[in-house]
C-alpha cells in the first residue's frame, strides 16, 4: 500500500506543477474553465501559486519533512474540495473529473504522510 501512496504523492506533485505552469502561462483551456465556473481571470495566478506551494510542500515531505508534506496534502485537499464545489455551484459537470482527480491525488498524499508521523 505504501508504494501506491508514494506513487500517488509523486503524481500529485507532477500534476500540480503542470497545472500551475498552465495557469501562469494563461493557457486557453485554463481561462475557458475559470470563466465557466465564474472565477475572475485575475485570480488564476494566485491559485497557481497555491498549487505550486502545495507541490513544493509535498516534495519536501517526500524528502523527509513529513509534517510539511502532511500540511501540503491537507491544504491541497481543501483547495480541490473548493474547486469541485465551484464546478457544482456553476453546474459545470462535463469536466468535473479534473478537479476530482486532483482531489483524489491530494487525499492520497495526505494519507501517505499521516502514516509517516
N, C-alpha and C. Protein backbone atom coordinates (compact mmCIF):
# COMPACT_ATOMS: atom_id res chain seq x y z
N UNK A 1 0.82 -1.20 0.00
CA UNK A 1 0.00 0.00 0.00
C UNK A 1 0.86 1.26 0.00
N UNK A 2 2.00 1.18 0.66
CA UNK A 2 2.87 2.35 0.73
C UNK A 2 3.35 2.76 -0.66
N UNK A 3 3.67 1.80 -1.51
CA UNK A 3 4.15 2.15 -2.85
C UNK A 3 3.05 2.84 -3.66
N UNK A 4 1.81 2.46 -3.44
CA UNK A 4 0.69 3.11 -4.14
C UNK A 4 0.58 4.57 -3.69
N UNK A 5 0.71 4.80 -2.38
CA UNK A 5 0.60 6.16 -1.87
C UNK A 5 1.79 7.02 -2.27
N UNK A 6 2.97 6.42 -2.33
CA UNK A 6 4.13 7.17 -2.81
C UNK A 6 3.92 7.56 -4.27
N UNK A 7 3.44 6.64 -5.07
CA UNK A 7 3.17 6.93 -6.48
C UNK A 7 2.12 8.02 -6.62
N UNK A 8 1.08 7.96 -5.81
CA UNK A 8 0.03 8.99 -5.85
C UNK A 8 0.59 10.34 -5.43
N UNK A 9 1.48 10.36 -4.45
CA UNK A 9 2.07 11.62 -3.99
C UNK A 9 2.97 12.21 -5.06
N UNK A 10 3.78 11.39 -5.69
CA UNK A 10 4.62 11.89 -6.79
C UNK A 10 3.74 12.37 -7.94
N UNK A 11 2.68 11.63 -8.23
CA UNK A 11 1.73 12.05 -9.26
C UNK A 11 1.07 13.38 -8.91
N UNK A 12 0.76 13.57 -7.64
CA UNK A 12 0.16 14.83 -7.20
C UNK A 12 1.12 15.99 -7.38
N UNK A 13 2.39 15.77 -7.06
CA UNK A 13 3.41 16.82 -7.27
C UNK A 13 3.50 17.18 -8.75
N UNK A 14 3.64 16.17 -9.60
CA UNK A 14 3.78 16.41 -11.04
C UNK A 14 2.53 17.09 -11.61
N UNK A 15 1.37 16.61 -11.23
CA UNK A 15 0.12 17.18 -11.76
C UNK A 15 -0.05 18.63 -11.34
N UNK A 16 0.28 18.94 -10.09
CA UNK A 16 0.10 20.31 -9.63
C UNK A 16 1.13 21.26 -10.22
N UNK A 17 2.35 20.78 -10.43
CA UNK A 17 3.35 21.62 -11.12
C UNK A 17 2.89 21.89 -12.54
N UNK A 18 2.41 20.85 -13.23
CA UNK A 18 1.94 21.02 -14.60
C UNK A 18 0.81 22.03 -14.70
N UNK A 19 -0.20 21.90 -13.84
CA UNK A 19 -1.35 22.80 -13.95
C UNK A 19 -0.99 24.21 -13.48
N UNK A 20 -0.06 24.33 -12.53
CA UNK A 20 0.37 25.67 -12.11
C UNK A 20 1.09 26.37 -13.25
N UNK A 21 1.91 25.65 -13.99
CA UNK A 21 2.59 26.24 -15.15
C UNK A 21 1.56 26.67 -16.19
N UNK A 22 0.56 25.83 -16.44
CA UNK A 22 -0.50 26.19 -17.39
C UNK A 22 -1.27 27.42 -16.91
N UNK A 23 -1.49 27.51 -15.59
CA UNK A 23 -2.17 28.68 -15.04
C UNK A 23 -1.34 29.94 -15.24
N UNK A 24 -0.06 29.87 -14.92
CA UNK A 24 0.81 31.04 -15.09
C UNK A 24 0.92 31.45 -16.55
N UNK A 25 0.92 30.46 -17.45
CA UNK A 25 1.01 30.75 -18.89
C UNK A 25 -0.31 31.23 -19.46
N UNK A 26 -1.36 31.21 -18.64
CA UNK A 26 -2.69 31.62 -19.06
C UNK A 26 -3.14 30.83 -20.29
N UNK A 27 -2.97 29.52 -20.19
CA UNK A 27 -3.37 28.62 -21.28
C UNK A 27 -4.85 28.81 -21.57
N UNK A 28 -5.23 28.72 -22.83
CA UNK A 28 -6.64 28.93 -23.20
C UNK A 28 -7.61 28.03 -22.45
N UNK A 29 -7.25 26.77 -22.23
CA UNK A 29 -8.18 25.88 -21.52
C UNK A 29 -8.35 26.31 -20.06
N UNK A 30 -7.32 26.89 -19.47
CA UNK A 30 -7.42 27.37 -18.09
C UNK A 30 -8.37 28.56 -18.02
N UNK A 31 -8.19 29.50 -18.93
CA UNK A 31 -9.04 30.69 -18.94
C UNK A 31 -10.49 30.34 -19.25
N UNK A 32 -10.70 29.39 -20.17
CA UNK A 32 -12.06 28.98 -20.50
C UNK A 32 -12.73 28.31 -19.30
N UNK A 33 -12.00 27.45 -18.62
CA UNK A 33 -12.56 26.76 -17.46
C UNK A 33 -12.85 27.74 -16.33
N UNK A 34 -11.95 28.67 -16.08
CA UNK A 34 -12.18 29.63 -15.00
C UNK A 34 -13.37 30.53 -15.31
N UNK A 35 -13.57 30.86 -16.57
CA UNK A 35 -14.73 31.67 -16.95
C UNK A 35 -16.02 30.89 -16.75
N UNK A 36 -15.99 29.59 -17.07
CA UNK A 36 -17.19 28.77 -16.91
C UNK A 36 -17.64 28.63 -15.47
N UNK A 37 -16.67 28.57 -14.55
CA UNK A 37 -17.03 28.44 -13.13
C UNK A 37 -17.08 29.80 -12.43
N UNK A 38 -17.08 30.85 -13.23
CA UNK A 38 -17.20 32.24 -12.76
C UNK A 38 -16.09 32.66 -11.81
N UNK A 39 -14.86 32.27 -12.16
CA UNK A 39 -13.68 32.67 -11.41
C UNK A 39 -13.01 33.81 -12.18
N UNK A 40 -12.76 34.93 -11.55
CA UNK A 40 -12.11 36.03 -12.27
C UNK A 40 -10.72 35.61 -12.76
N UNK A 41 -10.40 35.97 -13.98
CA UNK A 41 -9.10 35.57 -14.53
C UNK A 41 -7.94 36.16 -13.74
N UNK A 42 -8.17 37.25 -13.04
CA UNK A 42 -7.12 37.85 -12.21
C UNK A 42 -6.76 36.95 -11.03
N UNK A 43 -7.64 36.04 -10.64
CA UNK A 43 -7.37 35.15 -9.51
C UNK A 43 -6.54 33.94 -9.90
N UNK A 44 -6.43 33.64 -11.18
CA UNK A 44 -5.76 32.43 -11.64
C UNK A 44 -4.29 32.36 -11.19
N UNK A 45 -3.49 33.43 -11.32
CA UNK A 45 -2.10 33.32 -10.87
C UNK A 45 -1.97 33.08 -9.36
N UNK A 46 -2.87 33.63 -8.57
CA UNK A 46 -2.82 33.40 -7.13
C UNK A 46 -3.12 31.95 -6.79
N UNK A 47 -4.10 31.38 -7.50
CA UNK A 47 -4.42 29.98 -7.28
C UNK A 47 -3.29 29.08 -7.77
N UNK A 48 -2.62 29.48 -8.84
CA UNK A 48 -1.47 28.73 -9.33
C UNK A 48 -0.35 28.71 -8.29
N UNK A 49 -0.17 29.82 -7.61
CA UNK A 49 0.84 29.89 -6.56
C UNK A 49 0.51 28.92 -5.42
N UNK A 50 -0.76 28.82 -5.06
CA UNK A 50 -1.17 27.86 -4.03
C UNK A 50 -0.89 26.42 -4.47
N UNK A 51 -1.18 26.11 -5.72
CA UNK A 51 -0.92 24.76 -6.23
C UNK A 51 0.57 24.45 -6.22
N UNK A 52 1.38 25.42 -6.65
CA UNK A 52 2.82 25.23 -6.67
C UNK A 52 3.38 25.10 -5.26
N UNK A 53 2.87 25.88 -4.32
CA UNK A 53 3.30 25.76 -2.93
C UNK A 53 2.93 24.39 -2.37
N UNK A 54 1.75 23.90 -2.71
CA UNK A 54 1.36 22.56 -2.27
C UNK A 54 2.27 21.49 -2.82
N UNK A 55 2.61 21.61 -4.10
CA UNK A 55 3.52 20.64 -4.72
C UNK A 55 4.90 20.69 -4.07
N UNK A 56 5.38 21.89 -3.77
CA UNK A 56 6.68 22.03 -3.10
C UNK A 56 6.63 21.42 -1.71
N UNK A 57 5.53 21.63 -0.99
CA UNK A 57 5.40 21.04 0.34
C UNK A 57 5.37 19.52 0.29
N UNK A 58 4.69 18.97 -0.69
CA UNK A 58 4.67 17.51 -0.84
C UNK A 58 6.07 16.98 -1.14
N UNK A 59 6.79 17.69 -2.00
CA UNK A 59 8.15 17.27 -2.34
C UNK A 59 9.05 17.32 -1.11
N UNK A 60 8.92 18.37 -0.31
CA UNK A 60 9.70 18.46 0.92
C UNK A 60 9.31 17.31 1.87
N UNK A 61 8.05 16.96 1.89
CA UNK A 61 7.61 15.84 2.70
C UNK A 61 8.24 14.54 2.25
N UNK A 62 8.32 14.34 0.94
CA UNK A 62 8.97 13.13 0.41
C UNK A 62 10.45 13.10 0.73
N UNK A 63 11.04 14.28 0.89
CA UNK A 63 12.47 14.36 1.20
C UNK A 63 12.75 14.28 2.70
N UNK A 64 11.72 14.14 3.53
CA UNK A 64 11.95 13.91 4.94
C UNK A 64 11.23 14.82 5.91
N UNK A 65 10.70 15.94 5.45
CA UNK A 65 9.98 16.85 6.34
C UNK A 65 8.51 16.45 6.31
N UNK A 66 8.20 15.37 7.01
CA UNK A 66 6.89 14.75 6.90
C UNK A 66 5.75 15.66 7.32
N UNK A 67 5.94 16.45 8.35
CA UNK A 67 4.87 17.34 8.81
C UNK A 67 4.52 18.35 7.73
N UNK A 68 5.51 18.81 6.96
CA UNK A 68 5.23 19.75 5.88
C UNK A 68 4.47 19.06 4.74
N UNK A 69 4.83 17.82 4.46
CA UNK A 69 4.09 17.06 3.46
C UNK A 69 2.64 16.85 3.86
N UNK A 70 2.41 16.59 5.14
CA UNK A 70 1.04 16.43 5.63
C UNK A 70 0.27 17.75 5.49
N UNK A 71 0.89 18.84 5.88
CA UNK A 71 0.24 20.15 5.77
C UNK A 71 -0.09 20.46 4.31
N UNK A 72 0.83 20.16 3.41
CA UNK A 72 0.60 20.41 1.98
C UNK A 72 -0.52 19.52 1.45
N UNK A 73 -0.53 18.26 1.87
CA UNK A 73 -1.60 17.35 1.44
C UNK A 73 -2.97 17.81 1.91
N UNK A 74 -3.03 18.27 3.15
CA UNK A 74 -4.31 18.77 3.69
C UNK A 74 -4.71 20.06 2.97
N UNK A 75 -3.74 20.93 2.73
CA UNK A 75 -4.04 22.18 2.03
C UNK A 75 -4.53 21.94 0.61
N UNK A 76 -3.88 21.04 -0.12
CA UNK A 76 -4.32 20.74 -1.48
C UNK A 76 -5.69 20.05 -1.46
N UNK A 77 -5.94 19.23 -0.46
CA UNK A 77 -7.26 18.61 -0.34
C UNK A 77 -8.33 19.67 -0.19
N UNK A 78 -8.11 20.62 0.70
CA UNK A 78 -9.07 21.72 0.89
C UNK A 78 -9.22 22.54 -0.39
N UNK A 79 -8.11 22.80 -1.06
CA UNK A 79 -8.14 23.58 -2.30
C UNK A 79 -9.03 22.90 -3.34
N UNK A 80 -8.82 21.60 -3.54
CA UNK A 80 -9.56 20.92 -4.59
C UNK A 80 -10.99 20.57 -4.18
N UNK A 81 -11.29 20.52 -2.89
CA UNK A 81 -12.69 20.45 -2.48
C UNK A 81 -13.38 21.73 -2.94
N UNK A 82 -12.70 22.85 -2.76
CA UNK A 82 -13.24 24.13 -3.24
C UNK A 82 -13.42 24.15 -4.74
N UNK A 83 -12.49 23.56 -5.47
CA UNK A 83 -12.60 23.53 -6.93
C UNK A 83 -13.79 22.68 -7.37
N UNK A 84 -13.97 21.53 -6.73
CA UNK A 84 -15.12 20.67 -7.06
C UNK A 84 -16.42 21.41 -6.73
N UNK A 85 -16.46 22.07 -5.58
CA UNK A 85 -17.66 22.82 -5.21
C UNK A 85 -17.93 23.96 -6.17
N UNK A 86 -16.89 24.60 -6.68
CA UNK A 86 -17.08 25.67 -7.67
C UNK A 86 -17.71 25.12 -8.94
N UNK A 87 -17.29 23.93 -9.35
CA UNK A 87 -17.89 23.31 -10.52
C UNK A 87 -19.36 22.96 -10.27
N UNK A 88 -19.64 22.44 -9.10
CA UNK A 88 -21.02 22.08 -8.77
C UNK A 88 -21.89 23.33 -8.71
N UNK A 89 -21.39 24.38 -8.06
CA UNK A 89 -22.16 25.63 -7.94
C UNK A 89 -22.49 26.21 -9.31
N UNK A 90 -21.52 26.14 -10.22
CA UNK A 90 -21.72 26.70 -11.56
C UNK A 90 -22.39 25.70 -12.50
N UNK A 91 -22.67 24.50 -12.02
CA UNK A 91 -23.28 23.44 -12.82
C UNK A 91 -22.46 23.09 -14.06
N UNK A 92 -21.15 23.04 -13.88
CA UNK A 92 -20.22 22.64 -14.94
C UNK A 92 -19.74 21.23 -14.58
N UNK A 93 -20.45 20.26 -15.12
CA UNK A 93 -20.18 18.88 -14.74
C UNK A 93 -19.37 18.10 -15.79
N UNK A 94 -19.29 18.60 -17.00
CA UNK A 94 -18.65 17.82 -18.05
C UNK A 94 -17.15 17.64 -17.82
N UNK A 95 -16.53 18.54 -17.05
CA UNK A 95 -15.10 18.40 -16.78
C UNK A 95 -14.78 18.36 -15.29
N UNK A 96 -15.75 17.97 -14.49
CA UNK A 96 -15.55 17.91 -13.04
C UNK A 96 -14.57 16.80 -12.66
N UNK A 97 -14.31 15.88 -13.57
CA UNK A 97 -13.36 14.80 -13.29
C UNK A 97 -11.95 15.33 -13.06
N UNK A 98 -11.62 16.46 -13.67
CA UNK A 98 -10.27 17.00 -13.49
C UNK A 98 -10.03 17.47 -12.06
N UNK A 99 -10.84 18.37 -11.51
CA UNK A 99 -10.60 18.71 -10.10
C UNK A 99 -10.85 17.53 -9.17
N UNK A 100 -11.75 16.62 -9.57
CA UNK A 100 -11.98 15.42 -8.77
C UNK A 100 -10.74 14.53 -8.72
N UNK A 101 -10.08 14.39 -9.85
CA UNK A 101 -8.85 13.59 -9.89
C UNK A 101 -7.74 14.22 -9.07
N UNK A 102 -7.60 15.53 -9.17
CA UNK A 102 -6.61 16.24 -8.35
C UNK A 102 -6.95 16.07 -6.87
N UNK A 103 -8.22 16.11 -6.54
CA UNK A 103 -8.66 15.93 -5.15
C UNK A 103 -8.27 14.54 -4.65
N UNK A 104 -8.50 13.52 -5.44
CA UNK A 104 -8.13 12.16 -5.03
C UNK A 104 -6.63 12.02 -4.82
N UNK A 105 -5.84 12.64 -5.69
CA UNK A 105 -4.38 12.60 -5.51
C UNK A 105 -3.97 13.31 -4.22
N UNK A 106 -4.61 14.44 -3.93
CA UNK A 106 -4.29 15.19 -2.72
C UNK A 106 -4.66 14.40 -1.47
N UNK A 107 -5.81 13.75 -1.48
CA UNK A 107 -6.23 12.93 -0.34
C UNK A 107 -5.25 11.78 -0.13
N UNK A 108 -4.84 11.12 -1.21
CA UNK A 108 -3.88 10.02 -1.10
C UNK A 108 -2.55 10.52 -0.54
N UNK A 109 -2.14 11.72 -0.95
CA UNK A 109 -0.90 12.29 -0.44
C UNK A 109 -1.00 12.57 1.05
N UNK A 110 -2.10 13.13 1.48
CA UNK A 110 -2.30 13.39 2.91
C UNK A 110 -2.28 12.08 3.69
N UNK A 111 -2.92 11.06 3.16
CA UNK A 111 -2.93 9.76 3.84
C UNK A 111 -1.53 9.18 3.96
N UNK A 112 -0.73 9.36 2.94
CA UNK A 112 0.66 8.87 2.98
C UNK A 112 1.41 9.51 4.14
N UNK A 113 1.26 10.81 4.31
CA UNK A 113 2.01 11.50 5.36
C UNK A 113 1.42 11.29 6.75
N UNK A 114 0.13 11.02 6.84
CA UNK A 114 -0.45 10.67 8.15
C UNK A 114 0.23 9.41 8.68
N UNK A 115 0.50 8.49 7.79
CA UNK A 115 1.13 7.24 8.16
C UNK A 115 2.60 7.45 8.55
N UNK A 116 3.22 8.53 8.13
CA UNK A 116 4.63 8.78 8.38
C UNK A 116 4.90 9.48 9.71
N UNK A 117 3.88 10.09 10.30
CA UNK A 117 4.11 10.83 11.55
C UNK A 117 4.11 9.93 12.76
